[in-house]
N, C-alpha and C. Protein backbone atom coordinates (compact mmCIF):
# COMPACT_ATOMS: atom_id res chain seq x y z
N MET A 1 -16.84 -34.40 16.18
CA MET A 1 -16.89 -33.20 16.58
C MET A 1 -15.81 -31.98 15.95
N ARG A 2 -14.74 -32.80 16.21
CA ARG A 2 -13.47 -31.76 15.85
C ARG A 2 -13.75 -31.85 14.51
N LYS A 3 -14.17 -32.47 13.68
CA LYS A 3 -14.12 -31.72 11.96
C LYS A 3 -15.04 -30.71 11.73
N LYS A 4 -16.23 -31.05 12.71
CA LYS A 4 -17.23 -29.83 12.76
C LYS A 4 -16.59 -28.40 13.20
N LEU A 5 -15.58 -28.49 14.03
CA LEU A 5 -15.13 -27.17 14.90
C LEU A 5 -14.31 -27.13 13.82
N SER A 6 -13.22 -27.62 13.20
CA SER A 6 -12.43 -27.47 12.26
C SER A 6 -12.87 -26.66 11.03
N ALA A 7 -14.13 -27.32 10.68
CA ALA A 7 -15.09 -26.77 9.39
C ALA A 7 -15.43 -25.26 9.79
N LEU A 8 -16.31 -25.05 11.11
CA LEU A 8 -16.60 -23.63 11.40
C LEU A 8 -15.29 -22.87 11.62
N SER A 9 -14.16 -23.36 12.00
CA SER A 9 -13.02 -22.45 12.09
C SER A 9 -12.84 -21.82 10.60
N VAL A 10 -12.67 -22.70 9.69
CA VAL A 10 -12.39 -22.29 8.54
C VAL A 10 -13.36 -21.36 8.03
N GLY A 11 -14.34 -21.75 7.84
CA GLY A 11 -15.60 -20.65 7.57
C GLY A 11 -15.39 -19.50 7.98
N PHE A 12 -15.39 -19.24 9.43
CA PHE A 12 -14.96 -18.13 10.10
C PHE A 12 -13.73 -16.96 9.29
N LEU A 13 -12.65 -17.98 9.34
CA LEU A 13 -11.48 -17.49 8.87
C LEU A 13 -12.06 -16.90 7.35
N GLY A 14 -12.46 -17.69 6.62
CA GLY A 14 -12.93 -17.39 5.09
C GLY A 14 -13.89 -16.02 5.01
N LEU A 15 -14.80 -15.97 6.13
CA LEU A 15 -15.27 -14.61 6.15
C LEU A 15 -14.65 -13.52 6.71
N PHE A 16 -13.77 -13.63 7.43
CA PHE A 16 -12.94 -12.48 7.59
C PHE A 16 -12.15 -12.09 6.57
N LEU A 17 -11.50 -12.93 5.75
CA LEU A 17 -10.59 -12.49 4.72
C LEU A 17 -11.56 -11.71 3.29
N LEU A 18 -12.51 -12.27 3.49
CA LEU A 18 -13.37 -11.71 2.45
C LEU A 18 -13.94 -10.39 2.78
N ASN A 19 -13.85 -10.02 4.27
CA ASN A 19 -14.34 -8.65 4.79
C ASN A 19 -12.91 -7.76 4.95
N ALA A 20 -11.68 -8.38 4.99
CA ALA A 20 -10.72 -7.75 5.14
C ALA A 20 -10.23 -6.38 4.05
N CYS A 21 -9.76 -5.28 4.74
CA CYS A 21 -9.81 -4.10 4.14
C CYS A 21 -8.74 -4.37 3.07
N THR A 22 -9.30 -4.02 1.94
CA THR A 22 -8.21 -3.78 0.56
C THR A 22 -7.27 -2.60 0.59
N THR A 23 -5.88 -2.86 0.58
CA THR A 23 -5.01 -1.96 0.68
C THR A 23 -4.60 -1.37 -0.65
N TYR A 24 -4.74 -0.22 -1.10
CA TYR A 24 -4.63 0.58 -2.89
C TYR A 24 -3.30 1.37 -2.42
N LEU A 25 -2.53 1.52 -3.60
CA LEU A 25 -1.36 2.61 -3.53
C LEU A 25 -1.53 3.77 -4.23
N ILE A 26 -1.24 5.06 -3.79
CA ILE A 26 -1.09 6.16 -4.75
C ILE A 26 0.17 6.53 -5.05
N PRO A 27 0.43 6.48 -6.11
CA PRO A 27 2.01 6.89 -6.65
C PRO A 27 2.07 8.47 -5.97
N ILE A 28 3.39 9.07 -5.65
CA ILE A 28 3.23 10.26 -5.09
C ILE A 28 3.06 11.49 -6.14
N ASP A 29 3.66 11.20 -7.69
CA ASP A 29 2.98 11.83 -8.64
C ASP A 29 1.55 12.18 -8.75
N SER A 30 0.81 10.78 -8.70
CA SER A 30 -0.52 10.91 -8.71
C SER A 30 -1.17 11.77 -7.41
N PHE A 31 -0.75 11.39 -6.55
CA PHE A 31 -1.35 12.08 -5.04
C PHE A 31 -1.19 13.87 -5.29
N LYS A 32 0.05 14.16 -5.95
CA LYS A 32 0.30 15.66 -6.14
C LYS A 32 -0.54 16.39 -7.28
N GLN A 33 -1.01 15.35 -8.24
CA GLN A 33 -1.69 15.88 -9.58
C GLN A 33 -3.13 15.86 -8.73
N GLN A 34 -3.61 15.06 -7.87
CA GLN A 34 -5.01 15.17 -7.34
C GLN A 34 -5.19 16.31 -6.32
N PHE A 35 -4.37 16.86 -5.78
CA PHE A 35 -4.47 18.02 -5.14
C PHE A 35 -4.07 19.22 -5.91
N ILE A 36 -3.87 19.40 -7.14
CA ILE A 36 -3.63 20.30 -7.87
C ILE A 36 -4.53 21.51 -7.90
N GLY A 37 -4.54 22.87 -7.58
CA GLY A 37 -5.50 23.38 -7.33
C GLY A 37 -6.41 23.58 -6.32
N ILE A 38 -6.01 22.65 -5.57
CA ILE A 38 -7.13 22.68 -4.21
C ILE A 38 -6.43 23.57 -2.99
N ASP A 39 -6.98 24.86 -2.75
CA ASP A 39 -6.37 25.69 -1.49
C ASP A 39 -7.24 25.71 -0.48
N SER A 40 -7.34 26.48 0.57
CA SER A 40 -8.08 26.81 1.54
C SER A 40 -9.82 27.25 0.98
N THR A 41 -9.54 28.00 -0.12
CA THR A 41 -10.97 28.84 -0.55
C THR A 41 -12.00 27.50 -1.11
N MET A 42 -11.13 26.26 -1.33
CA MET A 42 -11.95 25.12 -1.74
C MET A 42 -12.59 24.15 -0.76
N LEU A 43 -11.95 24.14 0.34
CA LEU A 43 -12.62 23.05 1.59
C LEU A 43 -13.75 23.45 1.44
N LYS A 44 -14.79 22.29 1.94
CA LYS A 44 -16.28 22.21 2.29
C LYS A 44 -16.08 21.93 3.26
N GLN A 45 -17.36 22.28 4.06
CA GLN A 45 -17.56 21.89 5.48
C GLN A 45 -18.50 20.78 5.42
N VAL A 46 -18.27 19.78 5.96
CA VAL A 46 -19.01 18.57 6.06
C VAL A 46 -19.50 18.07 7.59
N THR A 47 -20.54 17.16 7.58
CA THR A 47 -20.62 17.00 9.01
C THR A 47 -20.86 15.51 9.13
N VAL A 48 -20.12 14.68 10.14
CA VAL A 48 -20.07 13.37 9.85
C VAL A 48 -20.74 12.86 11.20
N GLN A 49 -21.35 11.68 11.17
CA GLN A 49 -21.88 11.08 12.24
C GLN A 49 -21.04 9.44 12.67
N ASP A 50 -20.54 9.41 13.84
CA ASP A 50 -19.78 8.06 14.06
C ASP A 50 -20.71 6.96 14.19
N ALA A 51 -20.54 5.66 14.56
CA ALA A 51 -21.44 4.64 15.07
C ALA A 51 -22.27 4.89 16.14
N LEU A 52 -21.75 5.88 16.98
CA LEU A 52 -22.44 5.73 18.22
C LEU A 52 -23.21 7.14 18.21
N GLY A 53 -23.54 7.77 17.33
CA GLY A 53 -24.29 8.77 16.85
C GLY A 53 -23.47 10.08 17.06
N LYS A 54 -22.23 10.37 17.55
CA LYS A 54 -21.52 11.48 17.70
C LYS A 54 -21.54 12.21 16.57
N ILE A 55 -21.72 13.48 16.69
CA ILE A 55 -21.74 14.55 15.40
C ILE A 55 -20.15 15.07 15.20
N TYR A 56 -19.70 15.01 14.04
CA TYR A 56 -18.43 16.25 13.92
C TYR A 56 -18.57 16.85 12.86
N THR A 57 -18.07 18.32 12.67
CA THR A 57 -18.03 19.11 11.71
C THR A 57 -16.79 19.82 11.45
N TYR A 58 -16.35 19.59 10.45
CA TYR A 58 -15.16 20.02 9.88
C TYR A 58 -14.93 20.36 8.28
N LEU A 59 -14.01 20.86 8.20
CA LEU A 59 -13.46 21.53 6.48
C LEU A 59 -12.77 20.16 6.14
N ALA A 60 -13.20 19.59 4.84
CA ALA A 60 -12.44 18.78 4.07
C ALA A 60 -12.04 18.92 2.73
N ASN A 61 -11.52 18.29 2.30
CA ASN A 61 -10.75 18.46 0.86
C ASN A 61 -12.01 18.01 0.00
N PRO A 62 -12.35 18.81 -1.56
CA PRO A 62 -13.08 18.72 -2.31
C PRO A 62 -13.18 17.30 -3.24
N ILE A 63 -12.30 16.38 -3.01
CA ILE A 63 -11.96 15.40 -3.75
C ILE A 63 -13.32 14.22 -3.71
N LYS A 64 -13.59 13.79 -4.77
CA LYS A 64 -14.77 12.97 -4.69
C LYS A 64 -14.56 11.73 -4.88
N THR A 65 -13.34 11.37 -5.98
CA THR A 65 -13.06 10.10 -6.14
C THR A 65 -11.42 10.02 -6.26
N ILE A 66 -11.04 9.14 -5.32
CA ILE A 66 -9.63 9.08 -5.24
C ILE A 66 -9.03 7.98 -6.24
N GLN A 67 -7.83 8.51 -6.79
CA GLN A 67 -7.22 7.56 -8.02
C GLN A 67 -6.39 6.92 -7.53
N CYS A 68 -6.19 5.51 -7.33
CA CYS A 68 -4.97 4.60 -6.86
C CYS A 68 -4.82 3.66 -7.61
N MET A 69 -4.04 2.65 -7.29
CA MET A 69 -4.15 1.25 -7.84
C MET A 69 -4.02 0.13 -7.05
N ASP A 70 -4.58 -0.92 -7.23
CA ASP A 70 -4.22 -2.24 -6.56
C ASP A 70 -2.58 -2.64 -6.67
N LYS A 71 -1.95 -3.60 -6.06
CA LYS A 71 -0.63 -4.14 -5.32
C LYS A 71 -0.29 -4.56 -6.95
N ALA A 72 -1.12 -4.96 -8.03
CA ALA A 72 -0.47 -5.57 -9.28
C ALA A 72 -0.24 -4.24 -10.24
N GLY A 73 -0.72 -3.10 -9.72
CA GLY A 73 -0.64 -1.56 -10.61
C GLY A 73 -2.04 -1.61 -11.80
N LYS A 74 -2.87 -2.26 -11.22
CA LYS A 74 -4.15 -1.72 -11.69
C LYS A 74 -5.01 -0.79 -11.52
N PRO A 75 -5.27 0.06 -11.98
CA PRO A 75 -5.99 1.37 -11.78
C PRO A 75 -7.37 1.08 -11.04
N HIS A 76 -7.56 2.19 -10.05
CA HIS A 76 -8.64 1.71 -9.22
C HIS A 76 -9.23 2.87 -8.62
N GLU A 77 -10.56 3.01 -8.44
CA GLU A 77 -11.01 4.47 -7.77
C GLU A 77 -11.95 4.07 -6.68
N LEU A 78 -11.69 4.80 -5.72
CA LEU A 78 -12.11 4.67 -4.69
C LEU A 78 -12.98 6.01 -4.18
N GLU A 79 -14.33 5.74 -3.72
CA GLU A 79 -15.35 6.96 -3.38
C GLU A 79 -14.34 7.66 -1.85
N ASN A 80 -14.34 8.90 -1.85
CA ASN A 80 -14.04 9.63 -0.67
C ASN A 80 -15.02 9.48 0.09
N LYS A 81 -14.57 8.87 1.17
CA LYS A 81 -15.54 9.09 2.43
C LYS A 81 -15.27 9.21 3.72
N PRO A 82 -15.92 9.51 4.88
CA PRO A 82 -15.04 9.60 6.04
C PRO A 82 -14.42 8.37 6.87
N SER A 83 -14.69 7.19 6.04
CA SER A 83 -13.95 6.08 6.61
C SER A 83 -12.85 5.76 5.37
N ILE A 84 -12.43 6.52 4.85
CA ILE A 84 -11.10 6.39 4.15
C ILE A 84 -9.85 6.83 4.71
N GLU A 85 -8.63 5.76 5.04
CA GLU A 85 -7.51 5.82 5.41
C GLU A 85 -6.33 6.29 4.75
N ILE A 86 -5.29 7.23 5.12
CA ILE A 86 -4.45 7.12 4.27
C ILE A 86 -2.99 7.00 5.08
N ARG A 87 -2.14 6.06 4.43
CA ARG A 87 -0.96 5.91 5.32
C ARG A 87 0.10 6.39 4.66
N PHE A 88 0.85 7.36 5.23
CA PHE A 88 2.42 7.63 4.51
C PHE A 88 3.47 7.30 5.15
N THR A 89 4.04 6.66 4.42
CA THR A 89 5.65 6.01 4.88
C THR A 89 6.68 6.79 4.44
N TYR A 90 7.54 7.61 5.53
CA TYR A 90 8.15 8.71 5.00
C TYR A 90 9.38 8.62 6.13
N GLY A 91 10.67 9.43 5.68
CA GLY A 91 11.51 9.69 6.50
C GLY A 91 12.88 8.40 6.27
N GLU A 92 14.06 8.67 7.11
CA GLU A 92 15.06 7.74 6.84
C GLU A 92 14.45 6.37 7.58
N LYS A 93 13.97 6.33 8.86
CA LYS A 93 13.38 5.11 9.41
C LYS A 93 12.01 4.72 8.85
N ASN A 94 11.66 5.08 7.70
CA ASN A 94 10.27 4.76 7.07
C ASN A 94 9.27 4.57 7.98
N LYS A 95 8.88 6.01 8.85
CA LYS A 95 7.68 6.10 9.61
C LYS A 95 6.48 6.35 9.00
N LYS A 96 5.68 5.67 9.72
CA LYS A 96 4.56 5.46 9.10
C LYS A 96 3.12 6.19 10.06
N THR A 97 2.61 7.12 9.36
CA THR A 97 1.45 7.84 9.85
C THR A 97 0.09 7.74 9.10
N ILE A 98 -1.00 7.31 9.75
CA ILE A 98 -2.33 7.00 9.08
C ILE A 98 -3.33 8.26 9.41
N LEU A 99 -4.12 9.28 8.24
CA LEU A 99 -4.75 10.34 8.44
C LEU A 99 -5.87 9.72 7.78
N TYR A 100 -7.06 10.55 8.09
CA TYR A 100 -8.44 10.42 7.41
C TYR A 100 -8.11 11.15 6.12
N PHE A 101 -8.52 10.56 5.02
CA PHE A 101 -8.04 11.21 3.52
C PHE A 101 -8.88 12.47 3.33
N ASP A 102 -10.14 12.48 4.01
CA ASP A 102 -10.99 13.67 3.64
C ASP A 102 -10.33 14.93 4.57
N ARG A 103 -9.63 14.80 5.57
CA ARG A 103 -8.93 15.71 5.88
C ARG A 103 -7.57 15.77 5.80
N VAL A 104 -7.30 15.63 4.62
CA VAL A 104 -5.68 15.80 4.49
C VAL A 104 -5.83 16.81 3.22
N PHE A 105 -4.62 17.67 3.35
CA PHE A 105 -4.67 18.96 2.34
C PHE A 105 -3.23 18.80 1.97
N LEU A 106 -2.83 19.35 0.74
CA LEU A 106 -1.28 19.63 0.50
C LEU A 106 -1.26 21.08 0.03
N ASN A 107 -0.13 21.51 0.99
CA ASN A 107 0.14 23.14 0.72
C ASN A 107 1.61 22.95 0.25
N ASP A 108 1.82 23.30 -0.82
CA ASP A 108 2.99 23.44 -1.46
C ASP A 108 4.04 22.17 -1.50
N SER A 109 4.76 22.16 -0.62
CA SER A 109 5.60 20.93 -0.23
C SER A 109 5.18 20.10 1.15
N ILE A 110 4.17 20.48 1.58
CA ILE A 110 3.59 19.88 3.45
C ILE A 110 2.29 19.41 3.11
N ILE A 111 2.27 17.75 3.37
CA ILE A 111 0.98 17.06 3.61
C ILE A 111 0.51 17.84 5.14
N THR A 112 -0.80 17.85 5.12
CA THR A 112 -1.22 18.21 6.38
C THR A 112 -2.33 17.44 6.68
N GLY A 113 -2.73 16.73 7.72
CA GLY A 113 -3.99 16.15 8.07
C GLY A 113 -4.29 15.68 9.55
N ALA A 114 -5.06 15.19 9.85
CA ALA A 114 -5.71 14.74 10.98
C ALA A 114 -6.04 13.23 11.07
N PRO A 115 -5.17 13.08 12.24
CA PRO A 115 -5.26 11.24 12.37
C PRO A 115 -6.58 10.98 13.51
N SER A 116 -7.04 11.97 13.70
CA SER A 116 -8.11 11.80 14.81
C SER A 116 -9.38 12.21 14.45
N ARG A 117 -10.59 12.16 14.71
CA ARG A 117 -11.92 12.69 14.58
C ARG A 117 -12.21 13.60 15.79
N PHE A 118 -11.88 12.59 17.00
CA PHE A 118 -12.10 13.09 18.17
C PHE A 118 -11.45 14.25 19.02
N ILE A 119 -10.33 14.60 18.60
CA ILE A 119 -9.22 15.66 19.04
C ILE A 119 -9.02 16.21 17.59
N PRO A 120 -9.94 17.09 17.18
CA PRO A 120 -9.85 18.22 15.87
C PRO A 120 -8.55 19.06 15.63
N SER A 121 -7.99 19.39 16.99
CA SER A 121 -6.68 20.08 16.80
C SER A 121 -5.85 19.35 16.64
N LEU A 122 -5.79 18.25 16.99
CA LEU A 122 -4.45 17.17 16.50
C LEU A 122 -4.18 17.07 15.21
N VAL A 123 -3.14 17.92 14.65
CA VAL A 123 -2.80 18.10 12.95
C VAL A 123 -1.42 17.26 12.90
N LYS A 124 -1.16 16.68 11.76
CA LYS A 124 0.35 16.14 11.68
C LYS A 124 0.66 16.74 10.21
N ASN A 125 1.92 17.06 10.02
CA ASN A 125 2.60 17.61 8.76
C ASN A 125 3.57 16.89 8.24
N ILE A 126 3.75 16.44 7.38
CA ILE A 126 4.47 15.41 6.61
C ILE A 126 5.10 16.05 5.38
N PRO A 127 6.42 16.41 5.38
CA PRO A 127 7.28 16.95 4.00
C PRO A 127 7.12 15.64 3.14
N LEU A 128 6.50 16.58 1.82
CA LEU A 128 6.16 15.67 0.62
C LEU A 128 7.37 14.86 0.41
N LYS A 129 8.59 15.58 0.40
CA LYS A 129 9.95 15.28 -0.29
C LYS A 129 10.41 13.84 0.34
N GLU A 130 9.78 13.87 1.43
CA GLU A 130 10.46 12.72 2.45
C GLU A 130 9.54 11.44 2.26
N VAL A 131 8.24 11.59 1.60
CA VAL A 131 7.36 10.52 1.54
C VAL A 131 7.90 9.62 0.44
N THR A 132 7.99 8.34 0.73
CA THR A 132 8.47 7.07 -0.01
C THR A 132 7.22 5.91 -0.17
N LYS A 133 6.25 6.29 0.33
CA LYS A 133 4.98 5.24 -0.02
C LYS A 133 3.73 5.95 0.44
N ILE A 134 2.78 6.13 -0.33
CA ILE A 134 1.44 5.96 -0.08
C ILE A 134 0.27 5.13 -0.18
N GLU A 135 -0.29 4.50 0.90
CA GLU A 135 -1.06 3.52 0.72
C GLU A 135 -2.52 3.75 1.30
N ILE A 136 -3.49 3.62 0.78
CA ILE A 136 -4.86 3.86 1.23
C ILE A 136 -6.06 2.59 1.45
N GLN A 137 -6.80 3.02 2.02
CA GLN A 137 -7.77 1.68 2.19
C GLN A 137 -9.07 2.34 2.93
N ASP A 138 -10.32 1.68 2.78
CA ASP A 138 -11.21 2.02 3.40
C ASP A 138 -11.10 1.24 4.83
N GLY A 139 -11.06 2.10 6.09
CA GLY A 139 -10.77 1.38 7.17
C GLY A 139 -11.93 0.59 7.97
N GLY A 140 -13.14 0.98 7.15
CA GLY A 140 -14.32 0.26 7.72
C GLY A 140 -14.84 0.67 8.87
N LYS A 141 -14.19 1.79 9.52
CA LYS A 141 -14.93 2.63 10.72
C LYS A 141 -16.68 3.08 10.10
N LYS A 142 -17.53 3.08 11.27
CA LYS A 142 -18.70 3.40 10.75
C LYS A 142 -18.80 5.02 10.91
N PHE A 143 -18.33 5.66 10.11
CA PHE A 143 -18.23 6.86 9.68
C PHE A 143 -19.32 7.47 8.81
N ARG A 144 -20.02 8.46 8.59
CA ARG A 144 -20.63 8.57 7.62
C ARG A 144 -21.33 10.15 7.51
N TYR A 145 -21.20 10.95 6.39
CA TYR A 145 -21.40 12.19 6.10
C TYR A 145 -23.03 11.95 6.08
N ILE A 146 -23.57 13.21 6.80
CA ILE A 146 -24.90 13.33 7.23
C ILE A 146 -25.21 14.97 6.74
N GLU A 147 -26.43 15.22 6.35
CA GLU A 147 -26.97 16.53 5.67
C GLU A 147 -27.72 17.13 7.35
N LYS A 148 -27.18 18.47 7.37
CA LYS A 148 -27.70 18.98 8.67
C LYS A 148 -28.95 19.57 8.34
């Protein structure tokens, strides 16, 4: 009985690890390059539905494919979708802030983004010059773009 439980536990752990979110890196210069030429006139209105059916409409950046790299430095591309989260490490104390990638914008030297879909007025501003690391992943949240 104990062997069966142990085998079952290992199986569940393996399934969990296979479904775990893969985190990629975006070099700061690459991040800047991907946002060159994007200003407020280029933002697109999108409508998103969450797992419970709630609808959100907001302005999103027009980036379709995100250029990033894995931990070994191998180039990778991620499709921009509402579940993509970006984590900035910045400041003297290595503060971490997570934002939704489609709600991130770069205005000159300030990164602006939204950490919440539920409170649209909540906005974070991060000085680009203080950023030391940018990580990105599909958070696995059940958000999807829909046509209205």
